[in-house]
Amino acid sequence: MITTAMAVVLRLQRIGAKKAPIYRLVAADRRRATVGTIIERVGHYDPRGKDPQLKVVEDRLHHWLKVGAKPSDTVRTLLSRNGIWPKKTKV
């Protein structure tokens, strides 16, 4: 259960093999380590190839933004590049 005192951040969690990174977009407690426990997976990002791919479950992303989760600078940049950040967001 999420309490109001919990500081939630949307950030990337690295997975994948050596020299072949793939990232999960996760909602996590800010006070935990980046490889620590996550609250929910919101999407994933594959930077490899000619066109990097970002896949997001937008309703869950907007839920976390609505309840006060703060995206990291990298996540905010990725969302704005893909046209997701300014849409329906008042953060």
PDB file of N, CA and C in Angstrom:
ATOM      1  N   MET A   1       0.837  -1.180   0.000  1.00  0.00           N
ATOM      2  CA  MET A   1       0.000   0.000   0.000  1.00  0.00           C
ATOM      3  C   MET A   1       0.879   1.240   0.000  1.00  0.00           C
ATOM      4  N   ILE A   2       0.511   2.230  -0.783  1.00  0.00           N
ATOM      5  CA  ILE A   2       1.268   3.463  -0.901  1.00  0.00           C
ATOM      6  C   ILE A   2       0.751   4.454   0.139  1.00  0.00           C
ATOM      7  N   THR A   3       1.662   4.954   0.949  1.00  0.00           N
ATOM      8  CA  THR A   3       1.277   5.967   1.923  1.00  0.00           C
ATOM      9  C   THR A   3       1.593   7.339   1.372  1.00  0.00           C
ATOM     10  N   THR A   4       1.020   8.358   1.952  1.00  0.00           N
ATOM     11  CA  THR A   4       1.260   9.705   1.469  1.00  0.00           C
ATOM     12  C   THR A   4       2.664  10.185   1.796  1.00  0.00           C
ATOM     13  N   ALA A   5       3.313   9.573   2.781  1.00  0.00           N
ATOM     14  CA  ALA A   5       4.661   9.983   3.145  1.00  0.00           C
ATOM     15  C   ALA A   5       5.717   9.401   2.215  1.00  0.00           C
ATOM     16  N   MET A   6       5.337   8.437   1.384  1.00  0.00           N
ATOM     17  CA  MET A   6       6.296   7.800   0.495  1.00  0.00           C
ATOM     18  C   MET A   6       6.627   8.734  -0.668  1.00  0.00           C
ATOM     19  N   ALA A   7       7.901   8.915  -0.949  1.00  0.00           N
ATOM     20  CA  ALA A   7       8.349   9.748  -2.053  1.00  0.00           C
ATOM     21  C   ALA A   7       8.535   8.858  -3.275  1.00  0.00           C
ATOM     22  N   VAL A   8       7.622   8.954  -4.227  1.00  0.00           N
ATOM     23  CA  VAL A   8       7.661   8.103  -5.407  1.00  0.00           C
ATOM     24  C   VAL A   8       8.309   8.866  -6.552  1.00  0.00           C
ATOM     25  N   VAL A   9       9.183   8.160  -7.273  1.00  0.00           N
ATOM     26  CA  VAL A   9       9.859   8.743  -8.423  1.00  0.00           C
ATOM     27  C   VAL A   9       9.715   7.778  -9.598  1.00  0.00           C
ATOM     28  N   LEU A  10       9.565   8.333 -10.793  1.00  0.00           N
ATOM     29  CA  LEU A  10       9.551   7.534 -12.018  1.00  0.00           C
ATOM     30  C   LEU A  10      10.965   7.567 -12.566  1.00  0.00           C
ATOM     31  N   ARG A  11      11.585   6.398 -12.695  1.00  0.00           N
ATOM     32  CA  ARG A  11      12.962   6.353 -13.160  1.00  0.00           C
ATOM     33  C   ARG A  11      13.206   5.111 -13.991  1.00  0.00           C
ATOM     34  N   LEU A  12      14.393   5.069 -14.602  1.00  0.00           N
ATOM     35  CA  LEU A  12      14.775   3.930 -15.417  1.00  0.00           C
ATOM     36  C   LEU A  12      15.555   2.937 -14.572  1.00  0.00           C
ATOM     37  N   GLN A  13      15.277   1.658 -14.784  1.00  0.00           N
ATOM     38  CA  GLN A  13      15.997   0.579 -14.111  1.00  0.00           C
ATOM     39  C   GLN A  13      16.657  -0.244 -15.215  1.00  0.00           C
ATOM     40  N   ARG A  14      17.973  -0.354 -15.171  1.00  0.00           N
ATOM     41  CA  ARG A  14      18.701  -1.041 -16.238  1.00  0.00           C
ATOM     42  C   ARG A  14      18.565  -2.554 -16.098  1.00  0.00           C
ATOM     43  N   ILE A  15      18.222  -3.188 -17.216  1.00  0.00           N
ATOM     44  CA  ILE A  15      18.219  -4.639 -17.309  1.00  0.00           C
ATOM     45  C   ILE A  15      18.924  -4.970 -18.619  1.00  0.00           C
ATOM     46  N   GLY A  16      19.081  -6.221 -18.939  1.00  0.00           N
ATOM     47  CA  GLY A  16      19.717  -6.580 -20.193  1.00  0.00           C
ATOM     48  C   GLY A  16      21.153  -7.013 -19.977  1.00  0.00           C
ATOM     49  N   ALA A  17      21.753  -7.496 -21.034  1.00  0.00           N
ATOM     50  CA  ALA A  17      23.108  -8.035 -20.968  1.00  0.00           C
ATOM     51  C   ALA A  17      24.158  -6.932 -21.035  1.00  0.00           C
ATOM     52  N   LYS A  18      25.370  -7.342 -20.829  1.00  0.00           N
ATOM     53  CA  LYS A  18      26.506  -6.423 -20.920  1.00  0.00           C
ATOM     54  C   LYS A  18      26.578  -5.861 -22.339  1.00  0.00           C
ATOM     55  N   LYS A  19      26.719  -4.562 -22.450  1.00  0.00           N
ATOM     56  CA  LYS A  19      26.781  -3.820 -23.711  1.00  0.00           C
ATOM     57  C   LYS A  19      25.504  -3.944 -24.546  1.00  0.00           C
ATOM     58  N   ALA A  20      24.430  -4.379 -23.933  1.00  0.00           N
ATOM     59  CA  ALA A  20      23.133  -4.456 -24.611  1.00  0.00           C
ATOM     60  C   ALA A  20      22.049  -4.011 -23.635  1.00  0.00           C
ATOM     61  N   PRO A  21      22.037  -2.726 -23.276  1.00  0.00           N
ATOM     62  CA  PRO A  21      21.106  -2.281 -22.246  1.00  0.00           C
ATOM     63  C   PRO A  21      19.663  -2.195 -22.728  1.00  0.00           C
ATOM     64  N   ILE A  22      18.784  -2.521 -21.843  1.00  0.00           N
ATOM     65  CA  ILE A  22      17.352  -2.289 -21.985  1.00  0.00           C
ATOM     66  C   ILE A  22      16.925  -1.743 -20.621  1.00  0.00           C
ATOM     67  N   TYR A  23      16.022  -0.800 -20.611  1.00  0.00           N
ATOM     68  CA  TYR A  23      15.621  -0.159 -19.379  1.00  0.00           C
ATOM     69  C   TYR A  23      14.136  -0.349 -19.135  1.00  0.00           C
ATOM     70  N   ARG A  24      13.773  -0.548 -17.881  1.00  0.00           N
ATOM     71  CA  ARG A  24      12.376  -0.533 -17.467  1.00  0.00           C
ATOM     72  C   ARG A  24      12.069   0.853 -16.929  1.00  0.00           C
ATOM     73  N   LEU A  25      10.911   1.341 -17.233  1.00  0.00           N
ATOM     74  CA  LEU A  25      10.414   2.573 -16.642  1.00  0.00           C
ATOM     75  C   LEU A  25       9.582   2.148 -15.448  1.00  0.00           C
ATOM     76  N   VAL A  26      10.018   2.519 -14.241  1.00  0.00           N
ATOM     77  CA  VAL A  26       9.380   2.025 -13.027  1.00  0.00           C
ATOM     78  C   VAL A  26       9.001   3.172 -12.100  1.00  0.00           C
ATOM     79  N   ALA A  27       7.997   2.908 -11.285  1.00  0.00           N
ATOM     80  CA  ALA A  27       7.656   3.778 -10.163  1.00  0.00           C
ATOM     81  C   ALA A  27       8.321   3.148  -8.944  1.00  0.00           C
ATOM     82  N   ALA A  28       9.154   3.925  -8.260  1.00  0.00           N
ATOM     83  CA  ALA A  28       9.926   3.383  -7.142  1.00  0.00           C
ATOM     84  C   ALA A  28       9.991   4.400  -6.014  1.00  0.00           C
ATOM     85  N   ASP A  29      10.283   3.896  -4.836  1.00  0.00           N
ATOM     86  CA  ASP A  29      10.480   4.756  -3.683  1.00  0.00           C
ATOM     87  C   ASP A  29      11.823   5.462  -3.841  1.00  0.00           C
ATOM     88  N   ARG A  30      11.825   6.767  -3.738  1.00  0.00           N
ATOM     89  CA  ARG A  30      13.028   7.565  -3.947  1.00  0.00           C
ATOM     90  C   ARG A  30      14.139   7.208  -2.960  1.00  0.00           C
ATOM     91  N   ARG A  31      13.768   6.744  -1.782  1.00  0.00           N
ATOM     92  CA  ARG A  31      14.764   6.461  -0.739  1.00  0.00           C
ATOM     93  C   ARG A  31      15.450   5.124  -0.928  1.00  0.00           C
ATOM     94  N   ARG A  32      14.984   4.307  -1.843  1.00  0.00           N
ATOM     95  CA  ARG A  32      15.586   3.000  -2.097  1.00  0.00           C
ATOM     96  C   ARG A  32      16.649   3.101  -3.184  1.00  0.00           C
ATOM     97  N   ALA A  33      17.500   2.092  -3.266  1.00  0.00           N
ATOM     98  CA  ALA A  33      18.520   2.037  -4.305  1.00  0.00           C
ATOM     99  C   ALA A  33      17.864   1.845  -5.669  1.00  0.00           C
ATOM    100  N   THR A  34      18.568   2.228  -6.728  1.00  0.00           N
ATOM    101  CA  THR A  34      17.999   2.120  -8.072  1.00  0.00           C
ATOM    102  C   THR A  34      17.787   0.676  -8.486  1.00  0.00           C
ATOM    103  N   VAL A  35      18.522  -0.252  -7.902  1.00  0.00           N
ATOM    104  CA  VAL A  35      18.320  -1.672  -8.207  1.00  0.00           C
ATOM    105  C   VAL A  35      17.436  -2.335  -7.158  1.00  0.00           C
ATOM    106  N   GLY A  36      16.852  -1.529  -6.285  1.00  0.00           N
ATOM    107  CA  GLY A  36      16.042  -2.052  -5.194  1.00  0.00           C
ATOM    108  C   GLY A  36      14.631  -2.381  -5.609  1.00  0.00           C
ATOM    109  N   THR A  37      13.782  -2.486  -4.623  1.00  0.00           N
ATOM    110  CA  THR A  37      12.387  -2.850  -4.831  1.00  0.00           C
ATOM    111  C   THR A  37      11.654  -1.743  -5.579  1.00  0.00           C
ATOM    112  N   ILE A  38      10.824  -2.151  -6.530  1.00  0.00           N
ATOM    113  CA  ILE A  38      10.019  -1.180  -7.266  1.00  0.00           C
ATOM    114  C   ILE A  38       8.562  -1.337  -6.850  1.00  0.00           C
ATOM    115  N   ILE A  39       7.771  -0.328  -7.123  1.00  0.00           N
ATOM    116  CA  ILE A  39       6.351  -0.370  -6.807  1.00  0.00           C
ATOM    117  C   ILE A  39       5.575  -0.934  -7.994  1.00  0.00           C
ATOM    118  N   GLU A  40       5.888  -0.428  -9.197  1.00  0.00           N
ATOM    119  CA  GLU A  40       5.164  -0.872 -10.387  1.00  0.00           C
ATOM    120  C   GLU A  40       5.992  -0.587 -11.635  1.00  0.00           C
ATOM    121  N   ARG A  41       5.912  -1.500 -12.615  1.00  0.00           N
ATOM    122  CA  ARG A  41       6.511  -1.262 -13.926  1.00  0.00           C
ATOM    123  C   ARG A  41       5.518  -0.472 -14.755  1.00  0.00           C
ATOM    124  N   VAL A  42       6.007   0.594 -15.355  1.00  0.00           N
ATOM    125  CA  VAL A  42       5.133   1.467 -16.126  1.00  0.00           C
ATOM    126  C   VAL A  42       5.411   1.345 -17.623  1.00  0.00           C
ATOM    127  N   GLY A  43       6.591   0.880 -17.995  1.00  0.00           N
ATOM    128  CA  GLY A  43       6.925   0.740 -19.406  1.00  0.00           C
ATOM    129  C   GLY A  43       8.344   0.243 -19.556  1.00  0.00           C
ATOM    130  N   HIS A  44       8.858   0.309 -20.791  1.00  0.00           N
ATOM    131  CA  HIS A  44      10.251  -0.032 -21.025  1.00  0.00           C
ATOM    132  C   HIS A  44      10.809   0.806 -22.172  1.00  0.00           C
ATOM    133  N   TYR A  45      12.153   0.883 -22.215  1.00  0.00           N
ATOM    134  CA  TYR A  45      12.866   1.698 -23.189  1.00  0.00           C
ATOM    135  C   TYR A  45      14.027   0.887 -23.733  1.00  0.00           C
ATOM    136  N   ASP A  46      14.085   0.769 -25.063  1.00  0.00           N
ATOM    137  CA  ASP A  46      15.169   0.065 -25.731  1.00  0.00           C
ATOM    138  C   ASP A  46      15.937   1.081 -26.569  1.00  0.00           C
ATOM    139  N   PRO A  47      17.120   1.519 -26.102  1.00  0.00           N
ATOM    140  CA  PRO A  47      17.865   2.561 -26.813  1.00  0.00           C
ATOM    141  C   PRO A  47      18.657   2.057 -28.011  1.00  0.00           C
ATOM    142  N   ARG A  48      18.723   0.752 -28.202  1.00  0.00           N
ATOM    143  CA  ARG A  48      19.542   0.208 -29.283  1.00  0.00           C
ATOM    144  C   ARG A  48      18.821   0.307 -30.620  1.00  0.00           C
ATOM    145  N   GLY A  49      19.582   0.304 -31.683  1.00  0.00           N
ATOM    146  CA  GLY A  49      19.002   0.367 -33.015  1.00  0.00           C
ATOM    147  C   GLY A  49      18.940   1.783 -33.541  1.00  0.00           C
ATOM    148  N   LYS A  50      18.414   1.909 -34.751  1.00  0.00           N
ATOM    149  CA  LYS A  50      18.351   3.223 -35.395  1.00  0.00           C
ATOM    150  C   LYS A  50      17.314   4.134 -34.752  1.00  0.00           C
ATOM    151  N   ASP A  51      16.205   3.554 -34.337  1.00  0.00           N
ATOM    152  CA  ASP A  51      15.173   4.354 -33.675  1.00  0.00           C
ATOM    153  C   ASP A  51      14.867   3.763 -32.300  1.00  0.00           C
ATOM    154  N   PRO A  52      15.332   4.423 -31.247  1.00  0.00           N
ATOM    155  CA  PRO A  52      15.056   3.934 -29.890  1.00  0.00           C
ATOM    156  C   PRO A  52      13.554   3.855 -29.639  1.00  0.00           C
ATOM    157  N   GLN A  53      13.133   2.817 -28.924  1.00  0.00           N
ATOM    158  CA  GLN A  53      11.715   2.595 -28.700  1.00  0.00           C
ATOM    159  C   GLN A  53      11.363   2.762 -27.237  1.00  0.00           C
ATOM    160  N   LEU A  54      10.351   3.569 -26.977  1.00  0.00           N
ATOM    161  CA  LEU A  54       9.809   3.748 -25.641  1.00  0.00           C
ATOM    162  C   LEU A  54       8.370   3.264 -25.661  1.00  0.00           C
ATOM    163  N   LYS A  55       8.049   2.305 -24.816  1.00  0.00           N
ATOM    164  CA  LYS A  55       6.675   1.796 -24.701  1.00  0.00           C
ATOM    165  C   LYS A  55       6.214   2.078 -23.279  1.00  0.00           C
ATOM    166  N   VAL A  56       5.080   2.746 -23.157  1.00  0.00           N
ATOM    167  CA  VAL A  56       4.573   3.177 -21.860  1.00  0.00           C
ATOM    168  C   VAL A  56       3.103   2.806 -21.742  1.00  0.00           C
ATOM    169  N   VAL A  57       2.707   2.362 -20.554  1.00  0.00           N
ATOM    170  CA  VAL A  57       1.286   2.180 -20.238  1.00  0.00           C
ATOM    171  C   VAL A  57       0.823   3.553 -19.744  1.00  0.00           C
ATOM    172  N   GLU A  58       0.234   4.311 -20.670  1.00  0.00           N
ATOM    173  CA  GLU A  58      -0.034   5.724 -20.398  1.00  0.00           C
ATOM    174  C   GLU A  58      -1.001   5.963 -19.252  1.00  0.00           C
ATOM    175  N   ASP A  59      -2.015   5.126 -19.091  1.00  0.00           N
ATOM    176  CA  ASP A  59      -2.952   5.363 -17.991  1.00  0.00           C
ATOM    177  C   ASP A  59      -2.269   5.190 -16.637  1.00  0.00           C
ATOM    178  N   ARG A  60      -1.356   4.229 -16.513  1.00  0.00           N
ATOM    179  CA  ARG A  60      -0.622   4.045 -15.252  1.00  0.00           C
ATOM    180  C   ARG A  60       0.388   5.176 -15.049  1.00  0.00           C
ATOM    181  N   LEU A  61       1.014   5.631 -16.125  1.00  0.00           N
ATOM    182  CA  LEU A  61       1.941   6.754 -16.029  1.00  0.00           C
ATOM    183  C   LEU A  61       1.215   7.993 -15.523  1.00  0.00           C
ATOM    184  N   HIS A  62       0.059   8.277 -16.102  1.00  0.00           N
ATOM    185  CA  HIS A  62      -0.708   9.451 -15.683  1.00  0.00           C
ATOM    186  C   HIS A  62      -1.251   9.288 -14.267  1.00  0.00           C
ATOM    187  N   HIS A  63      -1.565   8.062 -13.868  1.00  0.00           N
ATOM    188  CA  HIS A  63      -1.970   7.816 -12.483  1.00  0.00           C
ATOM    189  C   HIS A  63      -0.858   8.220 -11.526  1.00  0.00           C
ATOM    190  N   TRP A  64       0.367   7.762 -11.796  1.00  0.00           N
ATOM    191  CA  TRP A  64       1.479   8.073 -10.895  1.00  0.00           C
ATOM    192  C   TRP A  64       1.800   9.559 -10.891  1.00  0.00           C
ATOM    193  N   LEU A  65       1.703  10.209 -12.028  1.00  0.00           N
ATOM    194  CA  LEU A  65       1.937  11.652 -12.071  1.00  0.00           C
ATOM    195  C   LEU A  65       0.846  12.397 -11.304  1.00  0.00           C
ATOM    196  N   LYS A  66      -0.390  11.901 -11.391  1.00  0.00           N
ATOM    197  CA  LYS A  66      -1.498  12.545 -10.693  1.00  0.00           C
ATOM    198  C   LYS A  66      -1.356  12.434  -9.174  1.00  0.00           C
ATOM    199  N   VAL A  67      -0.837  11.303  -8.686  1.00  0.00           N
ATOM    200  CA  VAL A  67      -0.703  11.139  -7.235  1.00  0.00           C
ATOM    201  C   VAL A  67       0.598  11.734  -6.695  1.00  0.00           C
ATOM    202  N   GLY A  68       1.392  12.370  -7.558  1.00  0.00           N
ATOM    203  CA  GLY A  68       2.542  13.117  -7.067  1.00  0.00           C
ATOM    204  C   GLY A  68       3.907  12.533  -7.346  1.00  0.00           C
ATOM    205  N   ALA A  69       4.004  11.508  -8.167  1.00  0.00           N
ATOM    206  CA  ALA A  69       5.319  10.953  -8.504  1.00  0.00           C
ATOM    207  C   ALA A  69       6.078  11.943  -9.370  1.00  0.00           C
ATOM    208  N   LYS A  70       7.356  12.085  -9.119  1.00  0.00           N
ATOM    209  CA  LYS A  70       8.198  12.994  -9.884  1.00  0.00           C
ATOM    210  C   LYS A  70       9.072  12.198 -10.842  1.00  0.00           C
ATOM    211  N   PRO A  71       9.062  12.515 -12.139  1.00  0.00           N
ATOM    212  CA  PRO A  71       9.931  11.805 -13.067  1.00  0.00           C
ATOM    213  C   PRO A  71      11.368  12.302 -12.950  1.00  0.00           C
ATOM    214  N   SER A  72      12.317  11.407 -13.179  1.00  0.00           N
ATOM    215  CA  SER A  72      13.712  11.827 -13.205  1.00  0.00           C
ATOM    216  C   SER A  72      13.922  12.676 -14.458  1.00  0.00           C
ATOM    217  N   ASP A  73      15.044  13.362 -14.525  1.00  0.00           N
ATOM    218  CA  ASP A  73      15.319  14.216 -15.682  1.00  0.00           C
ATOM    219  C   ASP A  73      15.352  13.404 -16.977  1.00  0.00           C
ATOM    220  N   THR A  74      15.948  12.220 -16.927  1.00  0.00           N
ATOM    221  CA  THR A  74      16.031  11.372 -18.114  1.00  0.00           C
ATOM    222  C   THR A  74      14.653  10.900 -18.550  1.00  0.00           C
ATOM    223  N   VAL A  75      13.835  10.498 -17.614  1.00  0.00           N
ATOM    224  CA  VAL A  75      12.479  10.046 -17.949  1.00  0.00           C
ATOM    225  C   VAL A  75      11.677  11.196 -18.527  1.00  0.00           C
ATOM    226  N   ARG A  76      11.786  12.373 -17.954  1.00  0.00           N
ATOM    227  CA  ARG A  76      11.065  13.538 -18.467  1.00  0.00           C
ATOM    228  C   ARG A  76      11.502  13.840 -19.904  1.00  0.00           C
ATOM    229  N   THR A  77      12.800  13.740 -20.188  1.00  0.00           N
ATOM    230  CA  THR A  77      13.305  13.971 -21.539  1.00  0.00           C
ATOM    231  C   THR A  77      12.759  12.937 -22.519  1.00  0.00           C
ATOM    232  N   LEU A  78      12.782  11.661 -22.130  1.00  0.00           N
ATOM    233  CA  LEU A  78      12.257  10.605 -22.997  1.00  0.00           C
ATOM    234  C   LEU A  78      10.769  10.801 -23.273  1.00  0.00           C
ATOM    235  N   LEU A  79      10.017  11.151 -22.253  1.00  0.00           N
ATOM    236  CA  LEU A  79       8.575  11.351 -22.429  1.00  0.00           C
ATOM    237  C   LEU A  79       8.288  12.548 -23.325  1.00  0.00           C
ATOM    238  N   SER A  80       9.047  13.619 -23.177  1.00  0.00           N
ATOM    239  CA  SER A  80       8.805  14.796 -24.013  1.00  0.00           C
ATOM    240  C   SER A  80       9.219  14.542 -25.460  1.00  0.00           C
ATOM    241  N   ARG A  81      10.285  13.770 -25.688  1.00  0.00           N
ATOM    242  CA  ARG A  81      10.690  13.431 -27.056  1.00  0.00           C
ATOM    243  C   ARG A  81       9.626  12.610 -27.772  1.00  0.00           C
ATOM    244  N   ASN A  82       8.905  11.798 -27.029  1.00  0.00           N
ATOM    245  CA  ASN A  82       7.875  10.942 -27.614  1.00  0.00           C
ATOM    246  C   ASN A  82       6.485  11.562 -27.551  1.00  0.00           C
ATOM    247  N   GLY A  83       6.382  12.802 -27.115  1.00  0.00           N
ATOM    248  CA  GLY A  83       5.108  13.511 -27.103  1.00  0.00           C
ATOM    249  C   GLY A  83       4.161  13.091 -25.998  1.00  0.00           C
ATOM    250  N   ILE A  84       4.659  12.420 -24.971  1.00  0.00           N
ATOM    251  CA  ILE A  84       3.797  11.951 -23.888  1.00  0.00           C
ATOM    252  C   ILE A  84       3.771  12.941 -22.733  1.00  0.00           C
ATOM    253  N   TRP A  85       4.862  13.636 -22.482  1.00  0.00           N
ATOM    254  CA  TRP A  85       4.989  14.486 -21.295  1.00  0.00           C
ATOM    255  C   TRP A  85       3.996  15.640 -21.248  1.00  0.00           C
ATOM    256  N   PRO A  86       3.885  16.505 -22.244  1.00  0.00           N
ATOM    257  CA  PRO A  86       2.965  17.622 -22.070  1.00  0.00           C
ATOM    258  C   PRO A  86       1.499  17.238 -22.136  1.00  0.00           C
ATOM    259  N   LYS A  87       1.205  16.067 -22.695  1.00  0.00           N
ATOM    260  CA  LYS A  87      -0.192  15.668 -22.886  1.00  0.00           C
ATOM    261  C   LYS A  87      -0.811  15.251 -21.557  1.00  0.00           C
ATOM    262  N   LYS A  88      -1.905  15.876 -21.166  1.00  0.00           N
ATOM    263  CA  LYS A  88      -2.694  15.543 -19.977  1.00  0.00           C
ATOM    264  C   LYS A  88      -1.906  15.648 -18.668  1.00  0.00           C
ATOM    265  N   THR A  89      -0.824  16.387 -18.658  1.00  0.00           N
ATOM    266  CA  THR A  89      -0.013  16.442 -17.451  1.00  0.00           C
ATOM    267  C   THR A  89       0.071  17.871 -16.953  1.00  0.00           C
ATOM    268  N   LYS A  90      -0.203  18.035 -15.691  1.00  0.00           N
ATOM    269  CA  LYS A  90      -0.146  19.359 -15.071  1.00  0.00           C
ATOM    270  C   LYS A  90       0.951  19.392 -14.009  1.00  0.00           C
ATOM    271  N   VAL A  91       2.074  18.712 -14.238  1.00  0.00           N
ATOM    272  CA  VAL A  91       3.138  18.651 -13.233  1.00  0.00           C
ATOM    273  C   VAL A  91       4.182  19.671 -13.536  1.00  0.00           C
TER     274      VAL A  91
END
